[in-house]
């Protein structure tokens, strides 16, 4: 798949700078440059193309981006809530299925988050999942060469994770 070999000689003259990659990530995240509690950047090679893997963490969100090293275009993005409160403050063992929003509402929330209508969708899947004690709906949507993956709190409907990537 990818990775850069230690002895690989890379001509980076056509690449955007690491600083520019950070600026692009901060802009996309909608947070002020330099305000993340944690930042990490790594030059990587994926399917023959060089990209910067950028991670930004605030006290509430973790942002991960893959940014094309030449064009500066974001090719992958993920936003995950950190320490999100489960079930609106209830422990999961106190929640029963009657409290769940249901697959249809989870799907509608996912469509809204992606800016899509039902007519736009080529294929989708919604499943209820226990993710380390958090009960979530996992929603996958395929549209126009892209795959959207979302994790939605089964009780509150809050979107916990939203990833978009080019569908292979």
Protein backbone atom coordinates (compact mmCIF):
# COMPACT_ATOMS: atom_id res chain seq x y z
CA UNK A 1 0.00 0.00 0.00
CA UNK A 2 2.46 2.67 1.02
CA UNK A 3 5.04 4.03 3.36
CA UNK A 4 8.40 5.60 2.69
CA UNK A 5 11.56 3.52 2.80
CA UNK A 6 14.42 4.89 4.93
CA UNK A 7 16.81 4.99 1.97
CA UNK A 8 14.26 6.56 -0.42
CA UNK A 9 15.53 9.82 -1.90
CA UNK A 10 12.56 12.15 -2.31
CA UNK A 11 12.54 15.38 -4.30
CA UNK A 12 10.28 17.56 -2.19
CA UNK A 13 10.74 20.74 -4.27
CA UNK A 14 7.17 20.47 -5.66
CA UNK A 15 5.65 19.72 -2.23
CA UNK A 16 3.75 22.17 -0.06
CA UNK A 17 5.55 22.81 3.24
CA UNK A 18 4.64 21.09 6.51
CA UNK A 19 3.56 24.52 7.79
CA UNK A 20 1.13 24.86 4.85
CA UNK A 21 -0.21 21.34 5.49
CA UNK A 22 -0.87 22.35 9.12
CA UNK A 23 -2.63 25.55 7.95
CA UNK A 24 -4.86 23.51 5.61
CA UNK A 25 -5.73 21.07 8.43
CA UNK A 26 -6.48 23.84 10.94
CA UNK A 27 -8.61 25.68 8.38
CA UNK A 28 -10.61 22.51 7.59
CA UNK A 29 -11.03 21.78 11.32
CA UNK A 30 -12.30 25.33 11.85
CA UNK A 31 -9.93 26.00 14.74
CA UNK A 32 -7.33 28.75 15.16
CA UNK A 33 -3.87 27.79 13.89
CA UNK A 34 -1.60 26.63 16.70
CA UNK A 35 -4.36 26.14 19.28
CA UNK A 36 -4.51 22.32 19.22
CA UNK A 37 -3.28 20.61 22.38
CA UNK A 38 -1.47 18.04 20.22
CA UNK A 39 -0.20 18.18 16.64
CA UNK A 40 1.57 15.56 14.56
CA UNK A 41 2.61 15.50 10.92
CA UNK A 42 4.27 12.79 8.86
CA UNK A 43 5.14 12.62 5.19
CA UNK A 44 3.83 9.33 3.80
CA UNK A 45 3.43 7.59 0.46
CA UNK A 46 0.04 6.05 -0.33
CA UNK A 47 -0.65 4.32 -3.67
CA UNK A 48 2.37 6.05 -5.21
CA UNK A 49 1.34 9.55 -4.14
CA UNK A 50 3.01 11.54 -1.38
CA UNK A 51 0.81 12.97 1.34
CA UNK A 52 1.06 14.54 4.75
CA UNK A 53 -0.72 12.67 7.54
CA UNK A 54 -1.80 15.41 9.96
CA UNK A 55 -3.34 14.86 13.41
CA UNK A 56 -4.74 17.69 15.56
CA UNK A 57 -6.30 17.19 18.98
CA UNK A 58 -8.28 19.69 21.01
CA UNK A 59 -9.84 18.97 24.38
CA UNK A 60 -12.99 17.68 22.63
CA UNK A 61 -12.07 16.54 19.11
CA UNK A 62 -9.39 14.59 17.26
CA UNK A 63 -8.93 15.60 13.61
CA UNK A 64 -7.01 13.42 11.15
CA UNK A 65 -6.30 14.47 7.60
CA UNK A 66 -4.37 13.12 4.64
CA UNK A 67 -3.26 16.04 2.51
CA UNK A 68 -1.79 15.62 -0.98
CA UNK A 69 1.83 16.81 -0.68
CA UNK A 70 1.79 18.51 -4.10
CA UNK A 71 -1.72 19.98 -4.52
CA UNK A 72 -2.61 20.51 -0.85
CA UNK A 73 -5.98 18.81 -1.44
CA UNK A 74 -7.45 16.86 1.48
CA UNK A 75 -7.85 13.24 0.35
CA UNK A 76 -9.05 11.80 3.68
CA UNK A 77 -10.58 13.31 6.78
CA UNK A 78 -11.77 12.00 10.11
CA UNK A 79 -13.19 13.81 13.13
CA UNK A 80 -13.67 11.91 16.37
CA UNK A 81 -15.08 13.14 19.67
CA UNK A 82 -12.74 12.68 22.63
CA UNK A 83 -14.30 11.51 25.89
CA UNK A 84 -17.80 12.10 24.54
CA UNK A 85 -20.46 11.63 27.16
CA UNK A 86 -22.26 8.38 26.53
CA UNK A 87 -26.03 8.43 26.23
CA UNK A 88 -26.38 12.01 27.35
CA UNK A 89 -24.66 11.26 30.66
CA UNK A 90 -26.26 7.86 31.37
CA UNK A 91 -24.04 4.82 31.66
CA UNK A 92 -24.77 2.40 28.82
CA UNK A 93 -25.95 -0.26 31.23
CA UNK A 94 -28.81 2.08 32.20
CA UNK A 95 -29.98 2.55 28.62
CA UNK A 96 -32.48 0.24 26.98
CA UNK A 97 -33.24 -0.10 23.30
CA UNK A 98 -36.40 2.00 23.62
CA UNK A 99 -34.05 4.96 24.12
CA UNK A 100 -32.32 4.41 20.75
CA UNK A 101 -33.03 6.83 17.90
CA UNK A 102 -33.48 3.97 15.40
CA UNK A 103 -31.75 3.12 12.13
CA UNK A 104 -33.91 5.45 10.02
CA UNK A 105 -33.14 8.53 12.15
CA UNK A 106 -29.45 7.58 12.23
CA UNK A 107 -29.46 7.33 8.42
CA UNK A 108 -31.22 10.72 8.10
CA UNK A 109 -28.66 12.31 10.47
CA UNK A 110 -25.82 10.83 8.40
CA UNK A 111 -27.33 12.14 5.14
CA UNK A 112 -27.68 15.60 6.67
CA UNK A 113 -24.07 15.57 7.94
CA UNK A 114 -22.84 14.61 4.45
CA UNK A 115 -25.06 17.15 2.70
CA UNK A 116 -26.80 14.42 0.71
CA UNK A 117 -30.39 13.42 0.00
CA UNK A 118 -31.67 9.84 -0.27
CA UNK A 119 -31.77 10.25 -4.05
CA UNK A 120 -27.99 10.96 -4.10
CA UNK A 121 -27.06 7.66 -2.45
CA UNK A 122 -25.86 4.74 -4.56
CA UNK A 123 -25.48 2.30 -1.65
CA UNK A 124 -25.73 2.48 2.14
CA UNK A 125 -25.53 0.36 5.26
CA UNK A 126 -26.67 1.09 8.83
CA UNK A 127 -25.86 -1.19 11.74
CA UNK A 128 -26.09 -0.96 15.51
CA UNK A 129 -22.72 -1.60 17.16
CA UNK A 130 -21.16 -1.73 20.61
CA UNK A 131 -17.90 0.21 20.28
CA UNK A 132 -15.99 -0.27 23.56
CA UNK A 133 -19.19 0.13 25.58
CA UNK A 134 -20.59 2.99 23.52
CA UNK A 135 -23.71 1.97 21.59
CA UNK A 136 -23.48 3.52 18.13
CA UNK A 137 -25.02 3.33 14.71
CA UNK A 138 -22.36 2.81 12.07
CA UNK A 139 -23.50 4.29 8.77
CA UNK A 140 -21.70 3.81 5.44
CA UNK A 141 -22.84 5.77 2.40
CA UNK A 142 -21.49 5.59 -1.15
CA UNK A 143 -21.99 8.57 -3.45
CA UNK A 144 -20.22 9.80 -6.58
CA UNK A 145 -16.94 7.92 -6.02
CA UNK A 146 -16.74 8.68 -2.29
CA UNK A 147 -17.44 6.60 0.79
CA UNK A 148 -18.74 8.31 3.91
CA UNK A 149 -18.42 6.48 7.23
CA UNK A 150 -20.15 7.86 10.30
CA UNK A 151 -20.59 6.72 13.88
CA UNK A 152 -23.67 8.13 15.56
CA UNK A 153 -24.56 7.94 19.25
CA UNK A 154 -27.55 5.56 19.35
CA UNK A 155 -29.30 7.55 22.07
CA UNK A 156 -28.51 11.23 21.45
CA UNK A 157 -28.03 11.11 17.66
CA UNK A 158 -24.74 13.02 18.05
CA UNK A 159 -22.23 12.31 15.30
CA UNK A 160 -19.16 10.91 17.03
CA UNK A 161 -17.04 10.23 13.95
CA UNK A 162 -17.28 11.33 10.31
CA UNK A 163 -14.82 10.13 7.66
CA UNK A 164 -14.84 10.75 3.94
CA UNK A 165 -12.54 9.05 1.47
CA UNK A 166 -12.32 8.29 -2.21
CA UNK A 167 -13.91 4.90 -2.90
CA UNK A 168 -11.50 2.44 -4.55
